[in-house]
Amino acid sequence: MSDKPTFHPAFTVSNIKTSIPIVLEMENVQYSTWAELFKGKEKPPPSTDAALELWSTLDATVLSWIYSTISNDLLQTIIEPDATAMEAWNRLRDIFQDNEHSRAVALEHEFSTISMEDFPNVSSYCQRLKSLADQLKNVGAPVSDNRMVLQLVGGLTKAYSGVGTLIR
């Protein structure tokens, strides 16, 4: 049996963004979705020199995937010299899961006070409401459909008051 590292399918990925289309950001938290797209089975490091060399190359590949799918602000927060992919992964997990309650409070406040008058059109208003609802779900505070409709209607401008009445 050869001592040389074997080829790994991960090396065939030329653009990770085709598999991980989400850019993880602090402002638009989609950590759960982003993390789920990355998940695989964690295995212990190999014991032979050849396998360890392959393992190191794979670790560097995954680390570059993580770095290329997060915002620059997050990158500056987690990057450290000689870090492994697992260390970067754990730092991101800690950022997004250790402060779930405070994120939920901030997102809840924004969701409850959002108004269409702060947006150029109804489409961007609805997209922001949906984004906030998704982020709340990701931090364990999902928004019911009924509450979503009530918030949407409550934040409409006077120009849409007739539509709001019909929806109610």
N, C-alpha and C. Protein backbone atom coordinates (compact mmCIF):
# COMPACT_ATOMS: atom_id res chain seq x y z
N MET A 1 0.84 -1.18 0.00
CA MET A 1 0.00 0.00 0.00
C MET A 1 0.89 1.25 0.00
N SER A 2 0.49 2.24 -0.74
CA SER A 2 1.28 3.46 -0.91
C SER A 2 1.18 4.36 0.32
N ASP A 3 2.31 5.05 0.60
CA ASP A 3 2.33 6.02 1.69
C ASP A 3 1.86 7.40 1.23
N LYS A 4 1.67 7.57 -0.09
CA LYS A 4 1.27 8.87 -0.62
C LYS A 4 -0.20 9.12 -0.33
N PRO A 5 -0.54 10.40 -0.07
CA PRO A 5 -1.95 10.73 0.14
C PRO A 5 -2.76 10.43 -1.11
N THR A 6 -3.97 9.98 -0.92
CA THR A 6 -4.84 9.71 -2.05
C THR A 6 -5.64 10.96 -2.39
N PHE A 7 -6.21 10.94 -3.56
CA PHE A 7 -7.03 12.06 -4.00
C PHE A 7 -8.33 12.06 -3.20
N HIS A 8 -8.82 13.24 -2.87
CA HIS A 8 -10.07 13.37 -2.11
C HIS A 8 -11.09 14.14 -2.95
N PRO A 9 -12.37 13.75 -2.93
CA PRO A 9 -13.40 14.43 -3.72
C PRO A 9 -13.53 15.93 -3.41
N ALA A 10 -13.16 16.35 -2.22
CA ALA A 10 -13.25 17.77 -1.86
C ALA A 10 -12.38 18.63 -2.78
N PHE A 11 -11.33 18.04 -3.35
CA PHE A 11 -10.44 18.79 -4.22
C PHE A 11 -11.08 19.11 -5.57
N THR A 12 -12.21 18.50 -5.88
CA THR A 12 -12.89 18.78 -7.15
C THR A 12 -13.77 20.01 -7.07
N VAL A 13 -13.98 20.55 -5.88
CA VAL A 13 -14.81 21.74 -5.72
C VAL A 13 -14.00 22.96 -6.13
N SER A 14 -14.41 23.58 -7.24
CA SER A 14 -13.67 24.75 -7.71
C SER A 14 -14.25 26.05 -7.18
N ASN A 15 -15.52 26.04 -6.83
CA ASN A 15 -16.16 27.25 -6.29
C ASN A 15 -17.14 26.84 -5.20
N ILE A 16 -16.76 27.02 -3.95
CA ILE A 16 -17.60 26.58 -2.83
C ILE A 16 -18.93 27.33 -2.81
N LYS A 17 -18.98 28.51 -3.39
CA LYS A 17 -20.20 29.30 -3.36
C LYS A 17 -21.32 28.70 -4.19
N THR A 18 -21.01 27.72 -5.03
CA THR A 18 -22.08 27.02 -5.73
C THR A 18 -22.78 26.03 -4.78
N SER A 19 -22.06 25.55 -3.79
CA SER A 19 -22.64 24.66 -2.79
C SER A 19 -23.11 25.40 -1.56
N ILE A 20 -22.46 26.50 -1.22
CA ILE A 20 -22.79 27.32 -0.05
C ILE A 20 -23.10 28.73 -0.57
N PRO A 21 -24.33 28.96 -1.06
CA PRO A 21 -24.64 30.26 -1.68
C PRO A 21 -24.87 31.39 -0.68
N ILE A 22 -24.81 31.10 0.60
CA ILE A 22 -25.07 32.09 1.64
C ILE A 22 -23.76 32.70 2.11
N VAL A 23 -23.75 34.03 2.24
CA VAL A 23 -22.62 34.71 2.89
C VAL A 23 -23.07 35.00 4.31
N LEU A 24 -22.41 34.40 5.26
CA LEU A 24 -22.77 34.57 6.67
C LEU A 24 -22.38 35.96 7.14
N GLU A 25 -23.34 36.69 7.70
CA GLU A 25 -23.12 38.05 8.17
C GLU A 25 -23.73 38.22 9.55
N MET A 26 -23.22 39.16 10.30
CA MET A 26 -23.79 39.47 11.62
C MET A 26 -25.17 40.10 11.48
N GLU A 27 -25.35 40.97 10.49
CA GLU A 27 -26.59 41.71 10.35
C GLU A 27 -27.74 40.85 9.83
N ASN A 28 -27.45 39.89 9.00
CA ASN A 28 -28.48 39.05 8.41
C ASN A 28 -28.16 37.61 8.78
N VAL A 29 -28.47 37.26 9.99
CA VAL A 29 -28.02 36.00 10.56
C VAL A 29 -28.77 34.81 9.96
N GLN A 30 -28.00 33.99 9.27
CA GLN A 30 -28.52 32.74 8.74
C GLN A 30 -27.58 31.61 9.15
N TYR A 31 -27.09 31.70 10.37
CA TYR A 31 -26.08 30.76 10.83
C TYR A 31 -26.55 29.31 10.71
N SER A 32 -27.75 29.03 11.17
CA SER A 32 -28.23 27.63 11.15
C SER A 32 -28.24 27.07 9.73
N THR A 33 -28.72 27.86 8.79
CA THR A 33 -28.76 27.42 7.40
C THR A 33 -27.35 27.26 6.86
N TRP A 34 -26.50 28.25 7.10
CA TRP A 34 -25.11 28.21 6.63
C TRP A 34 -24.40 26.98 7.19
N ALA A 35 -24.53 26.76 8.48
CA ALA A 35 -23.85 25.63 9.13
C ALA A 35 -24.36 24.30 8.59
N GLU A 36 -25.65 24.21 8.35
CA GLU A 36 -26.23 22.96 7.84
C GLU A 36 -25.66 22.62 6.46
N LEU A 37 -25.42 23.63 5.63
CA LEU A 37 -24.85 23.39 4.30
C LEU A 37 -23.42 22.86 4.37
N PHE A 38 -22.72 23.15 5.43
CA PHE A 38 -21.34 22.70 5.62
C PHE A 38 -21.22 21.33 6.27
N LYS A 39 -22.23 20.91 6.99
CA LYS A 39 -22.08 19.75 7.88
C LYS A 39 -21.65 18.48 7.18
N GLY A 40 -20.81 17.78 7.88
CA GLY A 40 -20.33 16.46 7.49
C GLY A 40 -20.01 15.71 8.76
N LYS A 41 -19.50 14.53 8.63
CA LYS A 41 -19.15 13.75 9.81
C LYS A 41 -17.73 14.10 10.24
N GLU A 42 -17.60 14.41 11.52
CA GLU A 42 -16.28 14.71 12.08
C GLU A 42 -15.56 13.40 12.36
N LYS A 43 -14.32 13.34 11.91
CA LYS A 43 -13.51 12.14 12.11
C LYS A 43 -12.22 12.52 12.82
N PRO A 44 -11.63 11.60 13.55
CA PRO A 44 -10.35 11.90 14.21
C PRO A 44 -9.24 12.02 13.18
N PRO A 45 -8.19 12.78 13.49
CA PRO A 45 -7.05 12.89 12.56
C PRO A 45 -6.43 11.51 12.34
N PRO A 46 -5.91 11.29 11.14
CA PRO A 46 -5.29 9.99 10.83
C PRO A 46 -3.97 9.81 11.56
N SER A 47 -3.47 8.59 11.51
CA SER A 47 -2.24 8.29 12.24
C SER A 47 -1.00 8.19 11.36
N THR A 48 -1.14 7.88 10.07
CA THR A 48 0.04 7.76 9.22
C THR A 48 0.46 9.13 8.69
N ASP A 49 1.74 9.26 8.34
CA ASP A 49 2.25 10.53 7.82
C ASP A 49 1.55 10.94 6.54
N ALA A 50 1.34 9.99 5.64
CA ALA A 50 0.70 10.28 4.35
C ALA A 50 -0.74 10.75 4.56
N ALA A 51 -1.45 10.05 5.43
CA ALA A 51 -2.83 10.42 5.69
C ALA A 51 -2.90 11.76 6.43
N LEU A 52 -1.93 12.03 7.27
CA LEU A 52 -1.89 13.30 7.99
C LEU A 52 -1.64 14.46 7.02
N GLU A 53 -0.82 14.22 6.01
CA GLU A 53 -0.57 15.24 4.98
C GLU A 53 -1.86 15.55 4.22
N LEU A 54 -2.61 14.51 3.85
CA LEU A 54 -3.90 14.69 3.18
C LEU A 54 -4.86 15.42 4.11
N TRP A 55 -4.89 15.02 5.36
CA TRP A 55 -5.76 15.65 6.36
C TRP A 55 -5.46 17.15 6.46
N SER A 56 -4.19 17.52 6.50
CA SER A 56 -3.79 18.93 6.60
C SER A 56 -4.23 19.71 5.36
N THR A 57 -4.10 19.11 4.21
CA THR A 57 -4.53 19.77 2.97
C THR A 57 -6.04 19.96 2.96
N LEU A 58 -6.76 18.95 3.37
CA LEU A 58 -8.23 19.05 3.46
C LEU A 58 -8.65 20.12 4.47
N ASP A 59 -7.97 20.18 5.60
CA ASP A 59 -8.28 21.17 6.62
C ASP A 59 -8.08 22.58 6.06
N ALA A 60 -7.00 22.79 5.33
CA ALA A 60 -6.74 24.10 4.73
C ALA A 60 -7.81 24.43 3.68
N THR A 61 -8.26 23.42 2.95
CA THR A 61 -9.31 23.63 1.95
C THR A 61 -10.61 24.05 2.62
N VAL A 62 -11.01 23.34 3.65
CA VAL A 62 -12.25 23.66 4.35
C VAL A 62 -12.14 25.03 5.03
N LEU A 63 -10.99 25.34 5.59
CA LEU A 63 -10.79 26.65 6.21
C LEU A 63 -10.97 27.76 5.17
N SER A 64 -10.44 27.56 3.98
CA SER A 64 -10.61 28.58 2.93
C SER A 64 -12.08 28.68 2.51
N TRP A 65 -12.82 27.57 2.53
CA TRP A 65 -14.25 27.61 2.23
C TRP A 65 -14.99 28.43 3.28
N ILE A 66 -14.66 28.20 4.53
CA ILE A 66 -15.31 28.96 5.61
C ILE A 66 -15.02 30.44 5.42
N TYR A 67 -13.76 30.79 5.23
CA TYR A 67 -13.38 32.19 5.08
C TYR A 67 -14.06 32.84 3.88
N SER A 68 -14.26 32.09 2.81
CA SER A 68 -14.85 32.68 1.60
C SER A 68 -16.36 32.78 1.64
N THR A 69 -16.98 32.23 2.68
CA THR A 69 -18.45 32.28 2.77
C THR A 69 -18.94 33.08 3.98
N ILE A 70 -18.06 33.91 4.55
CA ILE A 70 -18.47 34.78 5.65
C ILE A 70 -18.12 36.22 5.29
N SER A 71 -18.80 37.14 5.95
CA SER A 71 -18.55 38.56 5.68
C SER A 71 -17.15 38.95 6.16
N ASN A 72 -16.67 40.06 5.64
CA ASN A 72 -15.35 40.55 6.02
C ASN A 72 -15.28 40.85 7.53
N ASP A 73 -16.37 41.40 8.09
CA ASP A 73 -16.39 41.68 9.53
C ASP A 73 -16.21 40.41 10.35
N LEU A 74 -16.92 39.34 9.97
CA LEU A 74 -16.77 38.07 10.68
C LEU A 74 -15.37 37.49 10.47
N LEU A 75 -14.87 37.61 9.26
CA LEU A 75 -13.52 37.12 8.98
C LEU A 75 -12.50 37.79 9.89
N GLN A 76 -12.59 39.11 10.01
CA GLN A 76 -11.67 39.84 10.88
C GLN A 76 -11.83 39.45 12.35
N THR A 77 -13.02 39.03 12.73
CA THR A 77 -13.29 38.63 14.11
C THR A 77 -12.70 37.27 14.44
N ILE A 78 -12.77 36.32 13.50
CA ILE A 78 -12.37 34.95 13.83
C ILE A 78 -10.99 34.54 13.35
N ILE A 79 -10.42 35.28 12.43
CA ILE A 79 -9.15 34.82 11.83
C ILE A 79 -8.01 34.88 12.85
N GLU A 80 -7.23 33.81 12.88
CA GLU A 80 -6.05 33.71 13.74
C GLU A 80 -4.98 32.94 12.99
N PRO A 81 -3.73 33.28 13.22
CA PRO A 81 -2.64 32.56 12.54
C PRO A 81 -2.67 31.07 12.89
N ASP A 82 -2.41 30.25 11.89
CA ASP A 82 -2.30 28.79 12.05
C ASP A 82 -3.56 28.14 12.60
N ALA A 83 -4.73 28.76 12.39
CA ALA A 83 -5.99 28.18 12.86
C ALA A 83 -6.38 26.99 12.00
N THR A 84 -7.07 26.06 12.60
CA THR A 84 -7.63 24.94 11.85
C THR A 84 -9.07 25.28 11.47
N ALA A 85 -9.61 24.50 10.57
CA ALA A 85 -11.00 24.70 10.17
C ALA A 85 -11.92 24.52 11.38
N MET A 86 -11.63 23.55 12.22
CA MET A 86 -12.47 23.30 13.40
C MET A 86 -12.43 24.48 14.37
N GLU A 87 -11.27 25.09 14.53
CA GLU A 87 -11.17 26.25 15.43
C GLU A 87 -11.98 27.43 14.88
N ALA A 88 -11.89 27.66 13.57
CA ALA A 88 -12.69 28.74 12.95
C ALA A 88 -14.18 28.43 13.09
N TRP A 89 -14.54 27.18 12.83
CA TRP A 89 -15.93 26.73 12.94
C TRP A 89 -16.45 26.98 14.37
N ASN A 90 -15.67 26.60 15.35
CA ASN A 90 -16.10 26.76 16.75
C ASN A 90 -16.22 28.24 17.14
N ARG A 91 -15.33 29.09 16.62
CA ARG A 91 -15.43 30.52 16.91
C ARG A 91 -16.73 31.09 16.34
N LEU A 92 -17.06 30.69 15.13
CA LEU A 92 -18.33 31.16 14.52
C LEU A 92 -19.53 30.65 15.31
N ARG A 93 -19.48 29.38 15.66
CA ARG A 93 -20.58 28.81 16.45
C ARG A 93 -20.77 29.59 17.75
N ASP A 94 -19.68 29.91 18.41
CA ASP A 94 -19.75 30.65 19.67
C ASP A 94 -20.34 32.05 19.46
N ILE A 95 -19.97 32.70 18.37
CA ILE A 95 -20.51 34.04 18.09
C ILE A 95 -22.01 33.99 17.92
N PHE A 96 -22.50 33.00 17.19
CA PHE A 96 -23.92 32.97 16.87
C PHE A 96 -24.78 32.22 17.87
N GLN A 97 -24.23 31.29 18.60
CA GLN A 97 -25.06 30.54 19.53
C GLN A 97 -24.92 31.00 20.97
N ASP A 98 -23.81 31.61 21.33
CA ASP A 98 -23.65 32.06 22.71
C ASP A 98 -24.46 33.32 23.02
N ASN A 99 -24.85 34.05 21.99
CA ASN A 99 -25.60 35.28 22.25
C ASN A 99 -27.00 35.22 21.64
N GLU A 100 -27.57 34.03 21.57
CA GLU A 100 -28.90 33.88 20.96
C GLU A 100 -29.95 34.74 21.65
N HIS A 101 -29.92 34.80 22.96
CA HIS A 101 -30.96 35.54 23.67
C HIS A 101 -30.87 37.04 23.40
N SER A 102 -29.67 37.58 23.43
CA SER A 102 -29.54 39.01 23.16
C SER A 102 -29.86 39.31 21.70
N ARG A 103 -29.49 38.41 20.77
CA ARG A 103 -29.86 38.59 19.36
C ARG A 103 -31.37 38.54 19.20
N ALA A 104 -32.02 37.62 19.90
CA ALA A 104 -33.48 37.50 19.81
C ALA A 104 -34.16 38.78 20.29
N VAL A 105 -33.67 39.37 21.37
CA VAL A 105 -34.25 40.61 21.90
C VAL A 105 -34.10 41.73 20.88
N ALA A 106 -32.91 41.88 20.31
CA ALA A 106 -32.67 42.94 19.33
C ALA A 106 -33.52 42.74 18.07
N LEU A 107 -33.57 41.51 17.59
CA LEU A 107 -34.37 41.22 16.39
C LEU A 107 -35.85 41.40 16.66
N GLU A 108 -36.30 40.99 17.82
CA GLU A 108 -37.71 41.15 18.21
C GLU A 108 -38.10 42.62 18.23
N HIS A 109 -37.23 43.45 18.76
CA HIS A 109 -37.50 44.89 18.80
C HIS A 109 -37.61 45.44 17.38
N GLU A 110 -36.66 45.08 16.53
CA GLU A 110 -36.70 45.57 15.14
C GLU A 110 -37.94 45.07 14.42
N PHE A 111 -38.28 43.80 14.60
CA PHE A 111 -39.46 43.23 13.95
C PHE A 111 -40.73 43.96 14.40
N SER A 112 -40.83 44.24 15.68
CA SER A 112 -42.04 44.86 16.24
C SER A 112 -42.19 46.34 15.87
N THR A 113 -41.11 47.00 15.54
CA THR A 113 -41.18 48.44 15.26
C THR A 113 -40.99 48.79 13.79
N ILE A 114 -40.85 47.80 12.94
CA ILE A 114 -40.62 48.06 11.52
C ILE A 114 -41.86 48.68 10.88
N SER A 115 -41.62 49.61 9.98
CA SER A 115 -42.71 50.30 9.31
C SER A 115 -42.35 50.49 7.84
N MET A 116 -43.34 50.41 6.98
CA MET A 116 -43.11 50.52 5.55
C MET A 116 -42.56 51.89 5.16
N GLU A 117 -42.85 52.91 5.95
CA GLU A 117 -42.37 54.26 5.60
C GLU A 117 -40.84 54.35 5.60
N ASP A 118 -40.17 53.37 6.19
CA ASP A 118 -38.70 53.35 6.21
C ASP A 118 -38.11 52.68 4.97
N PHE A 119 -38.96 52.25 4.03
CA PHE A 119 -38.51 51.51 2.86
C PHE A 119 -38.99 52.19 1.57
N PRO A 120 -38.25 52.00 0.48
CA PRO A 120 -38.63 52.66 -0.77
C PRO A 120 -39.90 52.10 -1.42
N ASN A 121 -40.21 50.83 -1.10
CA ASN A 121 -41.40 50.22 -1.71
C ASN A 121 -41.90 49.06 -0.84
N VAL A 122 -43.08 48.58 -1.17
CA VAL A 122 -43.70 47.51 -0.37
C VAL A 122 -42.90 46.21 -0.46
N SER A 123 -42.28 45.98 -1.60
CA SER A 123 -41.50 44.76 -1.77
C SER A 123 -40.32 44.71 -0.80
N SER A 124 -39.57 45.80 -0.69
CA SER A 124 -38.42 45.80 0.22
C SER A 124 -38.88 45.72 1.67
N TYR A 125 -40.03 46.31 1.99
CA TYR A 125 -40.61 46.21 3.34
C TYR A 125 -40.94 44.75 3.66
N CYS A 126 -41.59 44.07 2.74
CA CYS A 126 -41.96 42.66 2.96
C CYS A 126 -40.72 41.77 3.04
N GLN A 127 -39.72 42.05 2.21
CA GLN A 127 -38.49 41.26 2.25
C GLN A 127 -37.78 41.42 3.60
N ARG A 128 -37.78 42.63 4.14
CA ARG A 128 -37.13 42.85 5.44
C ARG A 128 -37.88 42.13 6.55
N LEU A 129 -39.22 42.19 6.50
CA LEU A 129 -40.02 41.46 7.49
C LEU A 129 -39.70 39.96 7.44
N LYS A 130 -39.64 39.41 6.23
CA LYS A 130 -39.35 37.99 6.06
C LYS A 130 -37.94 37.68 6.57
N SER A 131 -36.99 38.53 6.27
CA SER A 131 -35.61 38.33 6.73
C SER A 131 -35.55 38.34 8.26
N LEU A 132 -36.22 39.28 8.88
CA LEU A 132 -36.24 39.34 10.35
C LEU A 132 -36.89 38.10 10.94
N ALA A 133 -38.00 37.65 10.33
CA ALA A 133 -38.68 36.45 10.81
C ALA A 133 -37.76 35.23 10.69
N ASP A 134 -37.02 35.14 9.59
CA ASP A 134 -36.07 34.02 9.41
C ASP A 134 -34.97 34.08 10.46
N GLN A 135 -34.46 35.27 10.72
CA GLN A 135 -33.41 35.42 11.72
C GLN A 135 -33.92 35.07 13.12
N LEU A 136 -35.14 35.47 13.43
CA LEU A 136 -35.74 35.12 14.72
C LEU A 136 -35.88 33.60 14.85
N LYS A 137 -36.28 32.96 13.78
CA LYS A 137 -36.39 31.49 13.80
C LYS A 137 -35.03 30.87 14.07
N ASN A 138 -33.98 31.43 13.46
CA ASN A 138 -32.62 30.89 13.63
C ASN A 138 -32.09 31.05 15.04
N VAL A 139 -32.64 31.98 15.83
CA VAL A 139 -32.19 32.14 17.21
C VAL A 139 -33.22 31.56 18.19
N GLY A 140 -34.11 30.73 17.69
CA GLY A 140 -35.05 30.02 18.55
C GLY A 140 -36.27 30.82 18.97
N ALA A 141 -36.63 31.86 18.22
CA ALA A 141 -37.80 32.68 18.54
C ALA A 141 -38.65 32.85 17.28
N PRO A 142 -39.23 31.75 16.78
CA PRO A 142 -39.98 31.83 15.52
C PRO A 142 -41.20 32.75 15.60
N VAL A 143 -41.54 33.33 14.46
CA VAL A 143 -42.69 34.23 14.32
C VAL A 143 -43.81 33.43 13.68
N SER A 144 -44.99 33.44 14.30
CA SER A 144 -46.13 32.72 13.73
C SER A 144 -46.62 33.44 12.47
N ASP A 145 -47.32 32.70 11.62
CA ASP A 145 -47.88 33.30 10.40
C ASP A 145 -48.84 34.42 10.76
N ASN A 146 -49.65 34.20 11.79
CA ASN A 146 -50.62 35.21 12.22
C ASN A 146 -49.91 36.50 12.65
N ARG A 147 -48.87 36.35 13.42
CA ARG A 147 -48.12 37.52 13.88
C ARG A 147 -47.44 38.23 12.72
N MET A 148 -46.95 37.45 11.76
CA MET A 148 -46.31 38.03 10.59
C MET A 148 -47.31 38.91 9.82
N VAL A 149 -48.51 38.40 9.62
CA VAL A 149 -49.53 39.17 8.89
C VAL A 149 -49.91 40.42 9.67
N LEU A 150 -50.09 40.29 10.99
CA LEU A 150 -50.44 41.44 11.81
C LEU A 150 -49.36 42.52 11.76
N GLN A 151 -48.10 42.12 11.83
CA GLN A 151 -47.00 43.09 11.76
C GLN A 151 -46.93 43.73 10.39
N LEU A 152 -47.12 42.94 9.35
CA LEU A 152 -47.09 43.48 7.99
C LEU A 152 -48.18 44.53 7.81
N VAL A 153 -49.40 44.20 8.22
CA VAL A 153 -50.53 45.13 8.08
C VAL A 153 -50.33 46.35 8.97
N GLY A 154 -49.88 46.14 10.20
CA GLY A 154 -49.70 47.25 11.13
C GLY A 154 -48.65 48.25 10.69
N GLY A 155 -47.71 47.84 9.88
CA GLY A 155 -46.64 48.72 9.44
C GLY A 155 -46.87 49.38 8.09
N LEU A 156 -48.01 49.09 7.47
CA LEU A 156 -48.31 49.68 6.16
C LEU A 156 -48.54 51.18 6.26
N THR A 157 -48.24 51.89 5.19
CA THR A 157 -48.49 53.33 5.14
C THR A 157 -49.97 53.58 4.82
N LYS A 158 -50.39 54.83 4.94
CA LYS A 158 -51.80 55.19 4.70
C LYS A 158 -52.24 54.85 3.28
N ALA A 159 -51.33 54.89 2.33
CA ALA A 159 -51.66 54.56 0.95
C ALA A 159 -52.17 53.13 0.81
N TYR A 160 -51.81 52.28 1.75
CA TYR A 160 -52.22 50.87 1.72
C TYR A 160 -53.28 50.54 2.78
N SER A 161 -53.90 51.55 3.35
CA SER A 161 -54.86 51.31 4.44
C SER A 161 -56.05 50.45 3.97
N GLY A 162 -56.47 50.60 2.73
CA GLY A 162 -57.56 49.78 2.20
C GLY A 162 -57.19 48.31 2.13
N VAL A 163 -55.98 48.04 1.69
CA VAL A 163 -55.48 46.67 1.64
C VAL A 163 -55.38 46.09 3.04
N GLY A 164 -54.89 46.91 3.97
CA GLY A 164 -54.75 46.48 5.36
C GLY A 164 -56.09 46.10 5.96
N THR A 165 -57.12 46.88 5.66
CA THR A 165 -58.47 46.59 6.16
C THR A 165 -58.97 45.27 5.62
N LEU A 166 -58.75 45.03 4.32
CA LEU A 166 -59.19 43.77 3.70
C LEU A 166 -58.47 42.57 4.31
N ILE A 167 -57.19 42.71 4.57
CA ILE A 167 -56.41 41.59 5.13
C ILE A 167 -56.87 41.30 6.55
N ARG A 168 -57.15 42.36 7.33
CA ARG A 168 -57.60 42.13 8.71
C ARG A 168 -58.89 41.39 8.71
